[in-house]
């Protein structure tokens, strides 16, 4: 019966794949650009949370919080303008298979032979549980996984006053979710989670957590043998093809930096991008230093031409967020339906 229910959920969600909020799918940018999507602004109601809004737009906790400093994640407040950071600088080429930028806490999937990219937020490893950097492949697709908890993880939870059982059966309470993609790295999966609000946080023991509804989409699209690459790129540099140069900056992951100079890494990212593009920009180096010292996950202009990030956001026409909250029942491994609209207001696809 469980298998039938899961199959029905996969079928239902696949039909909804084109619905706004169900998949961050973008056409690949034209030549001369490596950016996709666009920033959005919505107006919160009294019942909305930043986490609901983030999940609806395939944004992680880290991204929605960084885009809205000072806004209470649980009670943004009626009438609050909430910035939805749905613009992305793509990872360095080649664009092949799955690429996970660990500092960004975001997965990109480039289907072979298609001119599109799918992108999803991910929860990454907790300190002391770093993932390998490099390349592997998907070696298996697992429905209804079970989880035998390693002794060291049991001991860690017990030490923290949060004991967990030695075994989790398949089902909505399984931390591995109801679908999982096994990588060639030992015991590392890309899987759903029974704690979706942790997507975008450092919550795992090595696996990559995605929203359950996103895992349904990935599970359908990904085949065994798909390449998987993990990268450590805290500074992403890109151009919109219209003369602007932008940077997304993320807090470097200590497990990889080993004391490296973040400012030098940012400079290297810019110079490397300019060399690849065959073009030099007039860079505002003070803005680059500011982004190193205070990371901003949204693409931020690093030249003196064109509007600033704040001016770009101020110019966006805000839309009412007209979708029902996910609710407490959605904080489990089973994929929920998309939050239904509560008004007839139209909304553009992110």
C-alpha atoms as a PDB file:
ATOM      1  CA  UNK A   1       0.000   0.000   0.000  1.00  0.00           C
ATOM      2  CA  UNK A   2       2.809   2.404   0.867  1.00  0.00           C
ATOM      3  CA  UNK A   3       4.357   1.868  -2.574  1.00  0.00           C
ATOM      4  CA  UNK A   4       1.032   2.650  -4.252  1.00  0.00           C
ATOM      5  CA  UNK A   5       0.620   5.828  -2.227  1.00  0.00           C
ATOM      6  CA  UNK A   6       4.143   6.939  -3.079  1.00  0.00           C
ATOM      7  CA  UNK A   7       3.639   6.213  -6.780  1.00  0.00           C
ATOM      8  CA  UNK A   8       0.448   8.258  -6.718  1.00  0.00           C
ATOM      9  CA  UNK A   9       2.286  11.118  -5.070  1.00  0.00           C
ATOM     10  CA  UNK A  10       4.983  11.010  -7.739  1.00  0.00           C
ATOM     11  CA  UNK A  11       2.390  11.029 -10.497  1.00  0.00           C
ATOM     12  CA  UNK A  12       0.415  13.869  -8.944  1.00  0.00           C
ATOM     13  CA  UNK A  13       3.431  16.025  -8.394  1.00  0.00           C
ATOM     14  CA  UNK A  14       4.793  15.377 -11.862  1.00  0.00           C
ATOM     15  CA  UNK A  15       1.573  16.789 -13.274  1.00  0.00           C
ATOM     16  CA  UNK A  16       2.131  19.881 -11.151  1.00  0.00           C
ATOM     17  CA  UNK A  17       5.736  20.338 -12.260  1.00  0.00           C
ATOM     18  CA  UNK A  18       4.856  23.337 -14.387  1.00  0.00           C
ATOM     19  CA  UNK A  19       2.953  25.086 -11.590  1.00  0.00           C
ATOM     20  CA  UNK A  20       4.702  28.164 -10.131  1.00  0.00           C
ATOM     21  CA  UNK A  21       6.451  27.254  -6.908  1.00  0.00           C
ATOM     22  CA  UNK A  22       6.819  23.601  -7.908  1.00  0.00           C
ATOM     23  CA  UNK A  23      10.072  23.769  -9.844  1.00  0.00           C
ATOM     24  CA  UNK A  24      12.786  26.352 -10.365  1.00  0.00           C
ATOM     25  CA  UNK A  25      13.270  25.657 -14.071  1.00  0.00           C
ATOM     26  CA  UNK A  26      14.982  28.197 -16.288  1.00  0.00           C
ATOM     27  CA  UNK A  27      16.135  28.247 -19.903  1.00  0.00           C
ATOM     28  CA  UNK A  28      19.898  28.441 -20.135  1.00  0.00           C
ATOM     29  CA  UNK A  29      21.048  32.044 -20.608  1.00  0.00           C
ATOM     30  CA  UNK A  30      22.085  33.316 -24.033  1.00  0.00           C
ATOM     31  CA  UNK A  31      25.734  33.511 -24.982  1.00  0.00           C
ATOM     32  CA  UNK A  32      27.505  36.205 -23.019  1.00  0.00           C
ATOM     33  CA  UNK A  33      25.512  35.642 -19.836  1.00  0.00           C
ATOM     34  CA  UNK A  34      25.602  33.127 -17.003  1.00  0.00           C
ATOM     35  CA  UNK A  35      22.679  34.366 -14.914  1.00  0.00           C
ATOM     36  CA  UNK A  36      19.109  33.071 -14.718  1.00  0.00           C
ATOM     37  CA  UNK A  37      15.916  34.112 -12.973  1.00  0.00           C
ATOM     38  CA  UNK A  38      15.053  37.428 -11.415  1.00  0.00           C
ATOM     39  CA  UNK A  39      14.500  38.944  -7.987  1.00  0.00           C
ATOM     40  CA  UNK A  40      10.915  39.172  -6.760  1.00  0.00           C
ATOM     41  CA  UNK A  41       9.097  40.956  -3.953  1.00  0.00           C
ATOM     42  CA  UNK A  42       5.888  39.742  -2.313  1.00  0.00           C
ATOM     43  CA  UNK A  43       3.664  41.256   0.344  1.00  0.00           C
ATOM     44  CA  UNK A  44       3.241  39.024   3.389  1.00  0.00           C
ATOM     45  CA  UNK A  45      -0.020  38.549   5.264  1.00  0.00           C
ATOM     46  CA  UNK A  46      -0.318  38.066   9.002  1.00  0.00           C
ATOM     47  CA  UNK A  47      -0.366  34.234   8.662  1.00  0.00           C
ATOM     48  CA  UNK A  48       2.685  33.955   6.392  1.00  0.00           C
ATOM     49  CA  UNK A  49       6.184  32.928   7.432  1.00  0.00           C
ATOM     50  CA  UNK A  50       9.423  33.457   5.562  1.00  0.00           C
ATOM     51  CA  UNK A  51       9.828  29.682   5.518  1.00  0.00           C
ATOM     52  CA  UNK A  52       6.510  29.171   3.701  1.00  0.00           C
ATOM     53  CA  UNK A  53       7.379  31.814   1.133  1.00  0.00           C
ATOM     54  CA  UNK A  54      10.879  30.379   0.676  1.00  0.00           C
ATOM     55  CA  UNK A  55       9.591  26.867   0.129  1.00  0.00           C
ATOM     56  CA  UNK A  56       6.993  27.976  -2.391  1.00  0.00           C
ATOM     57  CA  UNK A  57       9.672  29.645  -4.515  1.00  0.00           C
ATOM     58  CA  UNK A  58      12.313  26.894  -4.081  1.00  0.00           C
ATOM     59  CA  UNK A  59      14.477  29.073  -1.865  1.00  0.00           C
ATOM     60  CA  UNK A  60      16.365  27.851   1.215  1.00  0.00           C
ATOM     61  CA  UNK A  61      16.302  29.171   4.762  1.00  0.00           C
ATOM     62  CA  UNK A  62      19.747  30.732   4.386  1.00  0.00           C
ATOM     63  CA  UNK A  63      18.715  32.585   1.234  1.00  0.00           C
ATOM     64  CA  UNK A  64      15.391  33.995   2.454  1.00  0.00           C
ATOM     65  CA  UNK A  65      16.923  35.154   5.742  1.00  0.00           C
ATOM     66  CA  UNK A  66      19.891  36.824   4.035  1.00  0.00           C
ATOM     67  CA  UNK A  67      17.592  38.612   1.588  1.00  0.00           C
ATOM     68  CA  UNK A  68      15.422  39.968   4.404  1.00  0.00           C
ATOM     69  CA  UNK A  69      17.668  41.082   7.268  1.00  0.00           C
ATOM     70  CA  UNK A  70      15.798  42.113  10.369  1.00  0.00           C
ATOM     71  CA  UNK A  71      12.568  40.371   9.319  1.00  0.00           C
ATOM     72  CA  UNK A  72      11.232  37.814  11.806  1.00  0.00           C
ATOM     73  CA  UNK A  73      11.225  34.455   9.956  1.00  0.00           C
ATOM     74  CA  UNK A  74       8.109  33.270  11.795  1.00  0.00           C
ATOM     75  CA  UNK A  75       6.176  36.542  11.969  1.00  0.00           C
ATOM     76  CA  UNK A  76       7.186  38.853   9.131  1.00  0.00           C
ATOM     77  CA  UNK A  77       3.988  40.821   9.712  1.00  0.00           C
ATOM     78  CA  UNK A  78       1.096  41.810   7.492  1.00  0.00           C
ATOM     79  CA  UNK A  79       2.131  44.212   4.771  1.00  0.00           C
ATOM     80  CA  UNK A  80       5.856  43.404   4.999  1.00  0.00           C
ATOM     81  CA  UNK A  81       7.733  43.505   1.689  1.00  0.00           C
ATOM     82  CA  UNK A  82       9.563  40.182   1.432  1.00  0.00           C
ATOM     83  CA  UNK A  83      12.395  39.888  -1.084  1.00  0.00           C
ATOM     84  CA  UNK A  84      12.440  36.508  -2.830  1.00  0.00           C
ATOM     85  CA  UNK A  85      16.011  35.857  -4.080  1.00  0.00           C
ATOM     86  CA  UNK A  86      15.224  33.869  -7.227  1.00  0.00           C
ATOM     87  CA  UNK A  87      18.093  35.137  -9.351  1.00  0.00           C
ATOM     88  CA  UNK A  88      21.177  32.972  -9.660  1.00  0.00           C
ATOM     89  CA  UNK A  89      24.663  33.058 -11.080  1.00  0.00           C
ATOM     90  CA  UNK A  90      25.256  29.619 -12.551  1.00  0.00           C
ATOM     91  CA  UNK A  91      28.267  27.597 -11.382  1.00  0.00           C
ATOM     92  CA  UNK A  92      31.378  27.563 -13.587  1.00  0.00           C
ATOM     93  CA  UNK A  93      31.149  25.456 -16.721  1.00  0.00           C
ATOM     94  CA  UNK A  94      31.026  22.699 -17.859  1.00  0.00           C
ATOM     95  CA  UNK A  95      27.309  22.467 -17.108  1.00  0.00           C
ATOM     96  CA  UNK A  96      26.825  18.737 -16.931  1.00  0.00           C
ATOM     97  CA  UNK A  97      24.542  16.683 -14.717  1.00  0.00           C
ATOM     98  CA  UNK A  98      24.216  17.680 -11.064  1.00  0.00           C
ATOM     99  CA  UNK A  99      26.431  20.421  -9.626  1.00  0.00           C
ATOM    100  CA  UNK A 100      26.185  21.276  -5.920  1.00  0.00           C
ATOM    101  CA  UNK A 101      27.888  24.435  -4.707  1.00  0.00           C
ATOM    102  CA  UNK A 102      28.303  23.679  -1.016  1.00  0.00           C
ATOM    103  CA  UNK A 103      28.808  27.234   0.352  1.00  0.00           C
ATOM    104  CA  UNK A 104      25.765  28.349  -1.662  1.00  0.00           C
ATOM    105  CA  UNK A 105      23.727  25.397  -0.385  1.00  0.00           C
ATOM    106  CA  UNK A 106      22.195  24.989  -3.830  1.00  0.00           C
ATOM    107  CA  UNK A 107      21.944  22.202  -6.389  1.00  0.00           C
ATOM    108  CA  UNK A 108      21.871  22.765 -10.153  1.00  0.00           C
ATOM    109  CA  UNK A 109      20.785  20.073 -12.587  1.00  0.00           C
ATOM    110  CA  UNK A 110      21.639  20.411 -16.279  1.00  0.00           C
ATOM    111  CA  UNK A 111      19.784  17.695 -18.224  1.00  0.00           C
ATOM    112  CA  UNK A 112      21.799  16.335 -21.110  1.00  0.00           C
ATOM    113  CA  UNK A 113      20.663  17.615 -24.487  1.00  0.00           C
ATOM    114  CA  UNK A 114      18.196  20.110 -23.032  1.00  0.00           C
ATOM    115  CA  UNK A 115      18.591  23.872 -22.947  1.00  0.00           C
ATOM    116  CA  UNK A 116      17.379  24.254 -19.355  1.00  0.00           C
ATOM    117  CA  UNK A 117      18.630  24.204 -15.789  1.00  0.00           C
ATOM    118  CA  UNK A 118      16.760  23.152 -12.662  1.00  0.00           C
ATOM    119  CA  UNK A 119      17.923  24.521  -9.343  1.00  0.00           C
ATOM    120  CA  UNK A 120      16.978  23.620  -5.773  1.00  0.00           C
ATOM    121  CA  UNK A 121      18.135  24.632  -2.298  1.00  0.00           C
ATOM    122  CA  UNK A 122      19.844  21.954  -0.208  1.00  0.00           C
ATOM    123  CA  UNK A 123      20.647  21.376   3.422  1.00  0.00           C
ATOM    124  CA  UNK A 124      24.325  20.570   3.836  1.00  0.00           C
ATOM    125  CA  UNK A 125      26.551  18.883   6.393  1.00  0.00           C
ATOM    126  CA  UNK A 126      27.010  19.947   9.982  1.00  0.00           C
ATOM    127  CA  UNK A 127      30.512  20.874  11.194  1.00  0.00           C
ATOM    128  CA  UNK A 128      32.828  17.860  11.450  1.00  0.00           C
ATOM    129  CA  UNK A 129      30.898  15.961   8.751  1.00  0.00           C
ATOM    130  CA  UNK A 130      32.301  17.466   5.515  1.00  0.00           C
ATOM    131  CA  UNK A 131      31.431  16.131   2.094  1.00  0.00           C
ATOM    132  CA  UNK A 132      34.086  15.273  -0.485  1.00  0.00           C
ATOM    133  CA  UNK A 133      34.747  17.787  -3.237  1.00  0.00           C
ATOM    134  CA  UNK A 134      34.992  16.432  -6.758  1.00  0.00           C
ATOM    135  CA  UNK A 135      33.000  14.184  -9.037  1.00  0.00           C
ATOM    136  CA  UNK A 136      31.036  10.952  -8.789  1.00  0.00           C
ATOM    137  CA  UNK A 137      27.775   9.604 -10.231  1.00  0.00           C
ATOM    138  CA  UNK A 138      24.327   8.550  -9.144  1.00  0.00           C
ATOM    139  CA  UNK A 139      24.618   4.806  -8.578  1.00  0.00           C
ATOM    140  CA  UNK A 140      21.079   3.956  -7.384  1.00  0.00           C
ATOM    141  CA  UNK A 141      17.578   5.331  -6.966  1.00  0.00           C
ATOM    142  CA  UNK A 142      15.871   4.222  -3.746  1.00  0.00           C
ATOM    143  CA  UNK A 143      12.143   4.347  -2.982  1.00  0.00           C
ATOM    144  CA  UNK A 144      11.035   4.146   0.639  1.00  0.00           C
ATOM    145  CA  UNK A 145      14.545   4.039   2.104  1.00  0.00           C
ATOM    146  CA  UNK A 146      15.153   2.806   5.615  1.00  0.00           C
ATOM    147  CA  UNK A 147      17.962   4.110   7.787  1.00  0.00           C
ATOM    148  CA  UNK A 148      20.118   2.123  10.160  1.00  0.00           C
ATOM    149  CA  UNK A 149      21.718   4.838  12.236  1.00  0.00           C
ATOM    150  CA  UNK A 150      25.504   4.515  12.606  1.00  0.00           C
ATOM    151  CA  UNK A 151      26.766   4.191  16.178  1.00  0.00           C
ATOM    152  CA  UNK A 152      28.683   7.465  16.072  1.00  0.00           C
ATOM    153  CA  UNK A 153      25.562   9.374  15.046  1.00  0.00           C
ATOM    154  CA  UNK A 154      23.537   7.708  17.809  1.00  0.00           C
ATOM    155  CA  UNK A 155      26.229   8.675  20.306  1.00  0.00           C
ATOM    156  CA  UNK A 156      26.331  12.251  19.037  1.00  0.00           C
ATOM    157  CA  UNK A 157      22.572  12.670  19.434  1.00  0.00           C
ATOM    158  CA  UNK A 158      22.613  11.085  22.887  1.00  0.00           C
ATOM    159  CA  UNK A 159      25.410  13.439  23.965  1.00  0.00           C
ATOM    160  CA  UNK A 160      23.353  16.412  22.779  1.00  0.00           C
ATOM    161  CA  UNK A 161      20.321  15.256  24.747  1.00  0.00           C
ATOM    162  CA  UNK A 162      18.440  14.250  21.602  1.00  0.00           C
ATOM    163  CA  UNK A 163      18.507  10.423  21.522  1.00  0.00           C
ATOM    164  CA  UNK A 164      17.317   8.759  18.337  1.00  0.00           C
ATOM    165  CA  UNK A 165      16.451   5.128  17.560  1.00  0.00           C
ATOM    166  CA  UNK A 166      18.962   2.791  15.964  1.00  0.00           C
ATOM    167  CA  UNK A 167      16.648   2.175  13.013  1.00  0.00           C
ATOM    168  CA  UNK A 168      14.104   4.240  11.078  1.00  0.00           C
ATOM    169  CA  UNK A 169      11.588   2.326   8.954  1.00  0.00           C
ATOM    170  CA  UNK A 170      10.322   3.736   5.681  1.00  0.00           C
ATOM    171  CA  UNK A 171       7.657   6.392   5.996  1.00  0.00           C
ATOM    172  CA  UNK A 172       6.929  10.078   6.598  1.00  0.00           C
ATOM    173  CA  UNK A 173       9.042  10.193   9.780  1.00  0.00           C
ATOM    174  CA  UNK A 174      12.191   8.854   8.127  1.00  0.00           C
ATOM    175  CA  UNK A 175      15.002  11.465   8.092  1.00  0.00           C
ATOM    176  CA  UNK A 176      15.989  10.155   4.639  1.00  0.00           C
ATOM    177  CA  UNK A 177      12.621  11.044   3.205  1.00  0.00           C
ATOM    178  CA  UNK A 178      10.644   8.757   0.932  1.00  0.00           C
ATOM    179  CA  UNK A 179      12.915   8.985  -2.109  1.00  0.00           C
ATOM    180  CA  UNK A 180      16.705   9.049  -2.296  1.00  0.00           C
ATOM    181  CA  UNK A 181      19.417   9.258  -4.942  1.00  0.00           C
ATOM    182  CA  UNK A 182      22.546   7.382  -3.912  1.00  0.00           C
ATOM    183  CA  UNK A 183      25.873   8.849  -4.984  1.00  0.00           C
ATOM    184  CA  UNK A 184      29.117   6.972  -5.508  1.00  0.00           C
ATOM    185  CA  UNK A 185      30.463   8.444  -2.270  1.00  0.00           C
ATOM    186  CA  UNK A 186      29.960   6.082   0.632  1.00  0.00           C
ATOM    187  CA  UNK A 187      26.671   6.703   2.511  1.00  0.00           C
ATOM    188  CA  UNK A 188      26.046  10.060   0.814  1.00  0.00           C
ATOM    189  CA  UNK A 189      22.622  10.559  -0.742  1.00  0.00           C
ATOM    190  CA  UNK A 190      20.593  13.383  -2.220  1.00  0.00           C
ATOM    191  CA  UNK A 191      17.285  12.812  -0.487  1.00  0.00           C
ATOM    192  CA  UNK A 192      14.113  14.309   0.897  1.00  0.00           C
ATOM    193  CA  UNK A 193      13.740  15.008   4.589  1.00  0.00           C
ATOM    194  CA  UNK A 194      11.243  14.823   7.422  1.00  0.00           C
ATOM    195  CA  UNK A 195      12.349  18.316   8.470  1.00  0.00           C
ATOM    196  CA  UNK A 196      11.847  20.433   5.329  1.00  0.00           C
ATOM    197  CA  UNK A 197      12.270  23.703   7.194  1.00  0.00           C
ATOM    198  CA  UNK A 198      15.932  22.749   7.628  1.00  0.00           C
ATOM    199  CA  UNK A 199      16.613  22.975   3.885  1.00  0.00           C
ATOM    200  CA  UNK A 200      19.231  25.687   3.436  1.00  0.00           C
ATOM    201  CA  UNK A 201      20.746  24.998   6.867  1.00  0.00           C
ATOM    202  CA  UNK A 202      23.676  22.882   8.024  1.00  0.00           C
ATOM    203  CA  UNK A 203      21.684  19.906   9.224  1.00  0.00           C
ATOM    204  CA  UNK A 204      23.073  16.664   7.821  1.00  0.00           C
ATOM    205  CA  UNK A 205      25.749  14.065   8.492  1.00  0.00           C
ATOM    206  CA  UNK A 206      26.949  14.247   4.904  1.00  0.00           C
ATOM    207  CA  UNK A 207      23.815  13.853   2.795  1.00  0.00           C
ATOM    208  CA  UNK A 208      22.151  16.642   0.848  1.00  0.00           C
ATOM    209  CA  UNK A 209      18.596  17.393   1.983  1.00  0.00           C
ATOM    210  CA  UNK A 210      16.016  18.808  -0.432  1.00  0.00           C
ATOM    211  CA  UNK A 211      12.344  19.636  -0.030  1.00  0.00           C
ATOM    212  CA  UNK A 212      10.294  16.414  -0.427  1.00  0.00           C
ATOM    213  CA  UNK A 213       8.445  17.786  -3.466  1.00  0.00           C
ATOM    214  CA  UNK A 214      11.781  18.684  -5.083  1.00  0.00           C
ATOM    215  CA  UNK A 215      13.066  15.178  -4.480  1.00  0.00           C
ATOM    216  CA  UNK A 216      10.037  13.841  -6.375  1.00  0.00           C
ATOM    217  CA  UNK A 217      11.005  15.963  -9.373  1.00  0.00           C
ATOM    218  CA  UNK A 218      14.671  15.009  -9.184  1.00  0.00           C
ATOM    219  CA  UNK A 219      13.832  11.337  -8.752  1.00  0.00           C
ATOM    220  CA  UNK A 220      11.776  11.365 -11.942  1.00  0.00           C
ATOM    221  CA  UNK A 221      14.366  13.266 -13.986  1.00  0.00           C
ATOM    222  CA  UNK A 222      17.626  11.734 -12.792  1.00  0.00           C
ATOM    223  CA  UNK A 223      18.872   8.431 -14.139  1.00  0.00           C
ATOM    224  CA  UNK A 224      21.506   6.113 -12.728  1.00  0.00           C
ATOM    225  CA  UNK A 225      24.861   7.220 -14.083  1.00  0.00           C
ATOM    226  CA  UNK A 226      24.112  10.954 -13.957  1.00  0.00           C
ATOM    227  CA  UNK A 227      27.316  12.859 -13.094  1.00  0.00           C
ATOM    228  CA  UNK A 228      27.452  14.586  -9.707  1.00  0.00           C
ATOM    229  CA  UNK A 229      29.989  17.305  -8.941  1.00  0.00           C
ATOM    230  CA  UNK A 230      30.436  19.135  -5.652  1.00  0.00           C
ATOM    231  CA  UNK A 231      32.284  22.451  -5.632  1.00  0.00           C
ATOM    232  CA  UNK A 232      33.490  24.967  -3.062  1.00  0.00           C
ATOM    233  CA  UNK A 233      32.740  28.364  -4.611  1.00  0.00           C
ATOM    234  CA  UNK A 234      31.891  30.983  -1.972  1.00  0.00           C
ATOM    235  CA  UNK A 235      32.202  33.758  -4.586  1.00  0.00           C
ATOM    236  CA  UNK A 236      30.310  33.434  -7.861  1.00  0.00           C
ATOM    237  CA  UNK A 237      30.866  36.019 -10.574  1.00  0.00           C
ATOM    238  CA  UNK A 238      28.511  36.578 -13.473  1.00  0.00           C
ATOM    239  CA  UNK A 239      27.210  38.899 -16.121  1.00  0.00           C
ATOM    240  CA  UNK A 240      23.697  39.568 -17.340  1.00  0.00           C
ATOM    241  CA  UNK A 241      24.882  40.006 -20.918  1.00  0.00           C
ATOM    242  CA  UNK A 242      23.989  43.692 -20.783  1.00  0.00           C
ATOM    243  CA  UNK A 243      27.281  45.011 -19.492  1.00  0.00           C
ATOM    244  CA  UNK A 244      26.756  44.429 -15.780  1.00  0.00           C
ATOM    245  CA  UNK A 245      29.093  42.364 -13.593  1.00  0.00           C
ATOM    246  CA  UNK A 246      27.691  40.757 -10.466  1.00  0.00           C
ATOM    247  CA  UNK A 247      28.858  38.739  -7.507  1.00  0.00           C
ATOM    248  CA  UNK A 248      27.057  36.359  -5.178  1.00  0.00           C
ATOM    249  CA  UNK A 249      28.941  35.867  -1.935  1.00  0.00           C
ATOM    250  CA  UNK A 250      28.494  33.153   0.654  1.00  0.00           C
ATOM    251  CA  UNK A 251      30.175  32.447   3.954  1.00  0.00           C
ATOM    252  CA  UNK A 252      33.165  30.190   3.220  1.00  0.00           C
ATOM    253  CA  UNK A 253      32.931  26.674   4.649  1.00  0.00           C
ATOM    254  CA  UNK A 254      35.694  26.244   7.194  1.00  0.00           C
ATOM    255  CA  UNK A 255      36.187  22.561   6.403  1.00  0.00           C
ATOM    256  CA  UNK A 256      37.558  23.525   2.989  1.00  0.00           C
ATOM    257  CA  UNK A 257      39.193  26.924   3.388  1.00  0.00           C
ATOM    258  CA  UNK A 258      41.878  25.893   5.875  1.00  0.00           C
ATOM    259  CA  UNK A 259      42.674  29.512   6.623  1.00  0.00           C
ATOM    260  CA  UNK A 260      42.576  30.711   3.016  1.00  0.00           C
ATOM    261  CA  UNK A 261      42.147  34.433   2.460  1.00  0.00           C
ATOM    262  CA  UNK A 262      38.515  35.113   1.425  1.00  0.00           C
ATOM    263  CA  UNK A 263      39.409  38.465  -0.151  1.00  0.00           C
ATOM    264  CA  UNK A 264      42.015  36.827  -2.368  1.00  0.00           C
ATOM    265  CA  UNK A 265      39.531  34.112  -3.337  1.00  0.00           C
ATOM    266  CA  UNK A 266      37.054  36.799  -4.415  1.00  0.00           C
ATOM    267  CA  UNK A 267      39.727  38.559  -6.477  1.00  0.00           C
ATOM    268  CA  UNK A 268      40.707  35.256  -8.081  1.00  0.00           C
ATOM    269  CA  UNK A 269      37.052  34.523  -8.921  1.00  0.00           C
ATOM    270  CA  UNK A 270      36.711  37.879 -10.671  1.00  0.00           C
ATOM    271  CA  UNK A 271      39.993  37.654 -12.581  1.00  0.00           C
ATOM    272  CA  UNK A 272      39.253  34.062 -13.600  1.00  0.00           C
ATOM    273  CA  UNK A 273      35.812  35.034 -14.869  1.00  0.00           C
ATOM    274  CA  UNK A 274      37.224  37.973 -16.830  1.00  0.00           C
ATOM    275  CA  UNK A 275      39.838  35.727 -18.407  1.00  0.00           C
ATOM    276  CA  UNK A 276      37.209  33.185 -19.450  1.00  0.00           C
ATOM    277  CA  UNK A 277      34.893  35.899 -20.769  1.00  0.00           C
ATOM    278  CA  UNK A 278      37.696  37.683 -22.620  1.00  0.00           C
ATOM    279  CA  UNK A 279      36.598  41.013 -21.189  1.00  0.00           C
ATOM    280  CA  UNK A 280      37.700  43.289 -18.347  1.00  0.00           C
ATOM    281  CA  UNK A 281      35.207  45.273 -16.282  1.00  0.00           C
ATOM    282  CA  UNK A 282      35.790  48.417 -14.237  1.00  0.00           C
ATOM    283  CA  UNK A 283      35.362  46.710 -10.871  1.00  0.00           C
ATOM    284  CA  UNK A 284      34.346  48.575  -7.741  1.00  0.00           C
ATOM    285  CA  UNK A 285      36.825  46.887  -5.428  1.00  0.00           C
ATOM    286  CA  UNK A 286      35.377  48.472  -2.320  1.00  0.00           C
ATOM    287  CA  UNK A 287      32.072  46.796  -3.123  1.00  0.00           C
ATOM    288  CA  UNK A 288      33.912  43.494  -3.509  1.00  0.00           C
ATOM    289  CA  UNK A 289      35.527  43.957  -0.088  1.00  0.00           C
ATOM    290  CA  UNK A 290      32.110  44.769   1.370  1.00  0.00           C
ATOM    291  CA  UNK A 291      30.697  41.539  -0.064  1.00  0.00           C
ATOM    292  CA  UNK A 292      33.579  39.521   1.358  1.00  0.00           C
ATOM    293  CA  UNK A 293      33.077  41.035   4.800  1.00  0.00           C
ATOM    294  CA  UNK A 294      29.274  40.836   4.689  1.00  0.00           C
ATOM    295  CA  UNK A 295      28.211  38.067   2.265  1.00  0.00           C
ATOM    296  CA  UNK A 296      25.084  38.713   0.203  1.00  0.00           C
ATOM    297  CA  UNK A 297      23.483  35.701  -1.449  1.00  0.00           C
ATOM    298  CA  UNK A 298      21.756  37.853  -4.107  1.00  0.00           C
ATOM    299  CA  UNK A 299      23.665  38.815  -7.279  1.00  0.00           C
ATOM    300  CA  UNK A 300      25.075  42.236  -6.389  1.00  0.00           C
ATOM    301  CA  UNK A 301      26.533  44.704  -8.915  1.00  0.00           C
ATOM    302  CA  UNK A 302      30.305  45.144  -8.519  1.00  0.00           C
ATOM    303  CA  UNK A 303      30.731  47.886 -11.116  1.00  0.00           C
ATOM    304  CA  UNK A 304      29.783  51.542 -10.852  1.00  0.00           C
ATOM    305  CA  UNK A 305      27.427  51.417 -13.832  1.00  0.00           C
ATOM    306  CA  UNK A 306      23.708  50.782 -13.489  1.00  0.00           C
ATOM    307  CA  UNK A 307      21.514  50.662 -10.384  1.00  0.00           C
ATOM    308  CA  UNK A 308      22.665  49.226  -7.073  1.00  0.00           C
ATOM    309  CA  UNK A 309      21.097  46.118  -5.580  1.00  0.00           C
ATOM    310  CA  UNK A 310      18.993  48.271  -3.245  1.00  0.00           C
ATOM    311  CA  UNK A 311      17.756  50.362  -6.179  1.00  0.00           C
ATOM    312  CA  UNK A 312      16.919  47.242  -8.163  1.00  0.00           C
ATOM    313  CA  UNK A 313      14.875  45.846  -5.271  1.00  0.00           C
ATOM    314  CA  UNK A 314      13.099  49.147  -4.660  1.00  0.00           C
ATOM    315  CA  UNK A 315      12.038  49.246  -8.318  1.00  0.00           C
ATOM    316  CA  UNK A 316      10.359  45.811  -8.210  1.00  0.00           C
ATOM    317  CA  UNK A 317       6.572  45.898  -8.128  1.00  0.00           C
ATOM    318  CA  UNK A 318       5.495  43.856  -5.116  1.00  0.00           C
ATOM    319  CA  UNK A 319       2.844  41.152  -5.547  1.00  0.00           C
ATOM    320  CA  UNK A 320       0.541  39.803  -2.870  1.00  0.00           C
ATOM    321  CA  UNK A 321       1.573  36.376  -1.637  1.00  0.00           C
ATOM    322  CA  UNK A 322      -1.762  34.639  -2.109  1.00  0.00           C
ATOM    323  CA  UNK A 323      -1.020  31.027  -1.166  1.00  0.00           C
ATOM    324  CA  UNK A 324      -2.170  29.154   1.891  1.00  0.00           C
ATOM    325  CA  UNK A 325       0.505  28.222   4.461  1.00  0.00           C
ATOM    326  CA  UNK A 326       1.964  24.744   4.195  1.00  0.00           C
ATOM    327  CA  UNK A 327       1.031  23.986   7.803  1.00  0.00           C
ATOM    328  CA  UNK A 328       2.533  21.708  10.419  1.00  0.00           C
ATOM    329  CA  UNK A 329       1.582  18.568   8.479  1.00  0.00           C
ATOM    330  CA  UNK A 330       4.021  19.565   5.718  1.00  0.00           C
ATOM    331  CA  UNK A 331       6.975  19.221   8.066  1.00  0.00           C
ATOM    332  CA  UNK A 332       7.467  15.546   7.250  1.00  0.00           C
ATOM    333  CA  UNK A 333       9.001  13.426   4.533  1.00  0.00           C
ATOM    334  CA  UNK A 334       5.837  13.029   2.453  1.00  0.00           C
ATOM    335  CA  UNK A 335       5.585  15.627  -0.324  1.00  0.00           C
ATOM    336  CA  UNK A 336       2.680  18.026   0.224  1.00  0.00           C
ATOM    337  CA  UNK A 337       0.570  19.459  -2.574  1.00  0.00           C
ATOM    338  CA  UNK A 338       1.478  22.934  -3.726  1.00  0.00           C
ATOM    339  CA  UNK A 339      -0.078  25.537  -1.426  1.00  0.00           C
ATOM    340  CA  UNK A 340      -3.395  26.446  -3.000  1.00  0.00           C
ATOM    341  CA  UNK A 341      -4.133  30.034  -3.992  1.00  0.00           C
ATOM    342  CA  UNK A 342      -6.547  31.735  -1.646  1.00  0.00           C
ATOM    343  CA  UNK A 343      -7.255  34.599  -4.034  1.00  0.00           C
ATOM    344  CA  UNK A 344      -7.451  34.939  -7.793  1.00  0.00           C
ATOM    345  CA  UNK A 345      -4.455  37.294  -7.993  1.00  0.00           C
ATOM    346  CA  UNK A 346      -2.095  36.277 -10.787  1.00  0.00           C
ATOM    347  CA  UNK A 347       1.553  35.536 -10.169  1.00  0.00           C
ATOM    348  CA  UNK A 348       4.435  35.191 -12.598  1.00  0.00           C
ATOM    349  CA  UNK A 349       6.553  32.051 -12.750  1.00  0.00           C
ATOM    350  CA  UNK A 350       9.858  32.670 -10.933  1.00  0.00           C
END
